[in-house]
Protein backbone atom coordinates (compact mmCIF):
# COMPACT_ATOMS: atom_id res chain seq x y z
CA MET A 1 9.27 19.91 13.97
CA THR A 2 6.68 17.09 14.69
CA GLU A 3 6.32 13.98 12.50
CA SER A 4 3.11 15.32 10.97
CA GLN A 5 4.84 18.58 10.19
CA ARG A 6 7.67 16.86 8.61
CA PHE A 7 5.37 14.74 6.59
CA SER A 8 3.37 17.65 5.30
CA SER A 9 6.64 19.59 4.50
CA ILE A 10 7.96 16.71 2.34
CA LEU A 11 4.66 16.51 0.40
CA GLN A 12 4.61 20.33 -0.17
CA ASP A 13 8.19 20.32 -1.19
CA LYS A 14 7.69 17.53 -3.81
CA LEU A 15 4.47 18.84 -5.16
CA CYS A 16 5.40 22.56 -5.34
CA GLY A 17 3.88 24.04 -8.50
CA LEU A 18 2.08 20.76 -9.28
CA LEU A 19 -0.75 20.48 -6.65
CA SER A 20 -1.83 22.50 -3.77
CA LEU A 21 -3.16 20.84 -0.61
CA ALA A 22 -5.24 22.46 2.13
CA PRO A 23 -4.40 21.76 5.85
CA VAL A 24 -7.47 19.46 6.06
CA GLN A 25 -6.17 17.40 3.14
CA LEU A 26 -2.70 17.18 4.65
CA GLY A 27 -4.42 15.97 7.81
CA GLN A 28 -6.32 13.27 5.98
CA LEU A 29 -3.11 11.98 4.44
CA TRP A 30 -1.28 12.02 7.75
CA ALA A 31 -4.13 10.18 9.39
CA HIS A 32 -3.94 7.52 6.63
CA TYR A 33 -0.19 7.16 7.27
CA GLU A 34 -0.76 6.73 10.97
CA LEU A 35 -3.32 4.11 10.32
CA LEU A 36 -0.98 2.40 7.84
CA ARG A 37 1.74 2.25 10.50
CA ALA A 38 -0.62 0.83 13.07
CA TRP A 39 -1.92 -1.95 10.65
CA ASN A 40 1.47 -2.69 9.14
CA GLY A 41 2.65 -4.37 12.38
CA ARG A 42 0.09 -7.16 11.97
CA LEU A 43 -0.57 -7.09 8.23
CA ASN A 44 2.32 -6.54 5.91
CA LEU A 45 0.75 -3.86 3.70
CA THR A 46 4.08 -2.19 2.60
CA SER A 47 7.80 -2.67 3.13
CA VAL A 48 8.21 1.19 2.80
CA ILE A 49 6.90 2.48 6.10
CA GLU A 50 9.72 4.89 7.44
CA LEU A 51 8.15 8.39 7.34
CA ASP A 52 10.40 10.15 4.94
CA LYS A 53 10.55 7.39 2.37
CA ALA A 54 6.82 6.61 2.71
CA ALA A 55 5.84 10.22 2.29
CA VAL A 56 7.63 10.29 -1.08
CA ARG A 57 7.08 6.75 -2.41
CA HIS A 58 3.48 6.36 -1.45
CA TYR A 59 2.00 9.76 -1.00
CA ALA A 60 3.87 12.19 -3.19
CA GLU A 61 3.91 9.78 -6.11
CA SER A 62 0.12 9.19 -5.87
CA LEU A 63 -0.47 12.89 -5.60
CA PHE A 64 1.65 13.50 -8.65
CA LEU A 65 -0.61 11.09 -10.61
CA ALA A 66 -3.60 12.91 -9.29
CA SER A 67 -2.31 16.18 -10.69
CA LEU A 68 -2.20 14.68 -14.12
CA LEU A 69 -5.69 13.31 -14.32
CA PRO A 70 -8.26 15.10 -16.61
CA PRO A 71 -10.59 17.61 -14.81
CA SER A 72 -13.54 15.66 -16.31
CA ALA A 73 -12.56 12.55 -14.34
CA LEU A 74 -15.20 12.18 -11.64
CA ARG A 75 -15.30 8.39 -11.18
CA ILE A 76 -11.95 6.71 -10.65
CA ALA A 77 -10.95 3.20 -9.76
CA ASP A 78 -7.63 2.09 -8.22
CA VAL A 79 -7.09 -1.49 -9.31
CA GLY A 80 -5.19 -3.64 -6.80
CA SER A 81 -5.22 -0.86 -4.30
CA GLY A 82 -3.30 -2.72 -1.57
CA ALA A 83 -2.62 -0.18 1.16
CA GLY A 84 -4.58 2.43 -0.72
CA PHE A 85 -2.12 3.68 -3.34
CA PRO A 86 -2.49 5.56 -5.50
CA GLY A 87 -6.23 5.67 -4.89
CA PHE A 88 -6.49 7.12 -1.39
CA PRO A 89 -4.26 10.05 -1.97
CA VAL A 90 -5.99 10.73 -5.38
CA ALA A 91 -9.33 10.81 -3.53
CA VAL A 92 -8.04 13.30 -0.99
CA ALA A 93 -6.48 15.46 -3.72
CA LEU A 94 -9.57 15.41 -5.82
CA PRO A 95 -12.51 15.70 -3.28
CA GLY A 96 -15.05 16.22 -6.10
CA THR A 97 -14.46 12.66 -7.42
CA GLU A 98 -15.67 9.32 -6.35
CA VAL A 99 -12.71 6.85 -5.95
CA PHE A 100 -13.21 3.11 -5.82
CA LEU A 101 -10.42 1.12 -4.15
CA ILE A 102 -10.44 -2.37 -5.72
CA GLU A 103 -8.74 -4.95 -3.61
CA SER A 104 -9.48 -8.75 -3.71
CA ASP A 105 -7.56 -9.58 -0.52
CA GLN A 106 -9.99 -9.56 2.40
CA ARG A 107 -7.57 -8.43 5.05
CA LYS A 108 -6.25 -5.56 2.87
CA ALA A 109 -9.80 -4.64 2.03
CA ALA A 110 -10.57 -4.47 5.85
CA PHE A 111 -7.72 -1.89 6.17
CA LEU A 112 -9.14 0.08 3.31
CA ARG A 113 -12.62 0.14 4.80
CA GLU A 114 -11.29 1.60 7.94
CA ALA A 115 -9.13 4.09 5.92
CA SER A 116 -12.17 5.04 3.92
CA ASP A 117 -13.67 6.70 7.01
CA LEU A 118 -10.98 9.42 6.58
CA SER A 119 -12.32 10.61 3.27
CA ARG A 120 -16.02 10.76 2.19
CA ASN A 121 -15.41 10.06 -1.52
CA VAL A 122 -13.68 6.72 -1.03
CA ARG A 123 -15.53 3.45 -1.81
CA VAL A 124 -13.97 0.02 -1.19
CA ARG A 125 -14.82 -2.92 -3.31
CA CYS A 126 -13.44 -6.37 -2.18
CA LEU A 127 -13.40 -8.13 -5.62
CA ARG A 128 -11.16 -8.77 -8.59
CA ALA A 129 -10.92 -6.12 -11.25
CA GLN A 130 -12.54 -8.48 -13.72
CA ALA A 131 -15.74 -8.53 -11.67
CA LEU A 132 -15.96 -4.71 -11.45
CA LYS A 133 -18.96 -3.34 -13.39
CA ASN A 134 -18.93 0.42 -12.53
CA ASN A 135 -18.98 3.00 -15.27
CA LEU A 136 -15.77 4.91 -14.79
CA ASP A 137 -13.79 7.80 -16.19
CA VAL A 138 -10.27 6.74 -15.23
CA VAL A 139 -8.70 3.41 -14.07
CA VAL A 140 -5.36 3.89 -12.17
CA GLY A 141 -2.85 1.64 -10.46
CA ARG A 142 0.62 0.91 -9.17
CA ALA A 143 2.51 -2.35 -8.55
CA VAL A 144 -0.14 -4.16 -10.60
CA ARG A 145 0.44 -5.74 -14.05
CA PRO A 146 -0.28 -2.96 -16.54
CA ALA A 147 -2.37 -5.34 -18.57
CA GLU A 148 -4.92 -5.65 -15.69
CA ILE A 149 -5.26 -1.89 -15.53
CA LEU A 150 -5.58 -1.58 -19.34
CA ASN A 151 -8.08 -4.43 -19.58
CA THR A 152 -10.19 -2.82 -16.87
CA ALA A 153 -10.02 0.55 -18.50
CA ASN A 154 -10.84 -0.97 -21.87
CA ARG A 155 -14.09 -2.38 -20.37
CA LEU A 156 -15.17 0.51 -18.21
CA ALA A 157 -13.36 3.81 -18.78
CA ASP A 158 -11.96 6.32 -21.10
CA CYS A 159 -8.53 6.92 -19.65
CA PHE A 160 -5.87 5.20 -17.58
CA GLY A 161 -3.03 6.26 -15.30
CA ILE A 162 -0.27 4.01 -14.17
CA LEU A 163 2.71 4.63 -11.82
CA MET A 164 5.65 2.55 -13.06
CA SER A 165 9.32 2.59 -13.95
CA ARG A 166 10.27 5.10 -16.67
CA LYS A 167 11.72 2.26 -18.77
CA ASP A 168 8.43 0.35 -18.74
CA ALA A 169 6.32 3.49 -19.30
CA ASP A 170 8.43 4.31 -22.42
CA LEU A 171 7.82 0.85 -23.76
CA LEU A 172 4.02 0.98 -23.22
CA ALA A 173 3.70 4.55 -24.51
CA ALA A 174 5.06 3.40 -27.86
CA ARG A 175 2.12 0.90 -28.11
CA TYR A 176 -0.78 3.04 -26.86
CA SER A 177 -2.07 6.58 -27.03
CA ALA A 178 -0.21 7.51 -23.86
CA GLU A 179 2.10 10.17 -22.44
CA VAL A 180 5.02 9.57 -20.15
CA LYS A 181 5.41 11.93 -17.27
CA PRO A 182 8.58 11.41 -15.24
CA LEU A 183 8.46 12.16 -11.58
CA PRO A 184 10.10 15.53 -11.05
CA TRP A 185 12.28 14.19 -8.28
CA ASP A 186 12.95 10.74 -9.69
CA GLU A 187 13.66 10.53 -13.48
CA GLU A 188 13.64 6.66 -13.29
CA SER A 189 9.97 6.55 -12.32
CA ALA A 190 7.02 7.91 -14.26
CA ALA A 191 3.31 8.10 -14.55
CA LEU A 192 1.81 6.80 -17.88
CA ILE A 193 -1.31 8.67 -18.77
CA GLY A 194 -3.38 7.80 -21.76
CA LEU A 195 -6.61 7.03 -23.60
CA VAL A 196 -8.09 3.62 -23.50
CA PRO A 197 -6.60 1.38 -26.23
CA ARG A 198 -9.83 0.49 -27.84
CA GLY A 199 -9.94 -2.68 -29.97
CA THR A 200 -6.87 -4.32 -28.39
């Protein structure tokens, strides 16, 4: 089995019954991973780069979040996108959407711009979330302070989706109109999906 076949097999195994990916989509995700490996040597985009771990931690988790977003979500922003997670896999999984990768670090934004060539519905914005003015449907994020995602959603969108620990998700769900969706393969991690907490 080649590396790309193993990568695709891991994604299909984790997402079985949740999300179906066409060969072209699996190819886009693999191309992103190859680009990530190439850039990671000179720019520390992620500490999780080994194929099996990266396929699950970066790609399967992001795709799980994509499977939970409302069908009405057409304009999505990934706040603090970093290496493109969860935004890039979300864009690949939902080709009918427009996904904005928001990253204030110039070097990371340069990587994202090159990665955006792999998917026609990806837009890169090198700015802080506070400066974003686009009207959106959903704001998503991972490894970013939840308050930053919630504040951005409160200004610009109707819904939010955050990948985080199950413990933190449970705490936030009690405060907002949100639902905790544990990862099927990791009960200690979850996606928090909810309506924007207006008036907070």
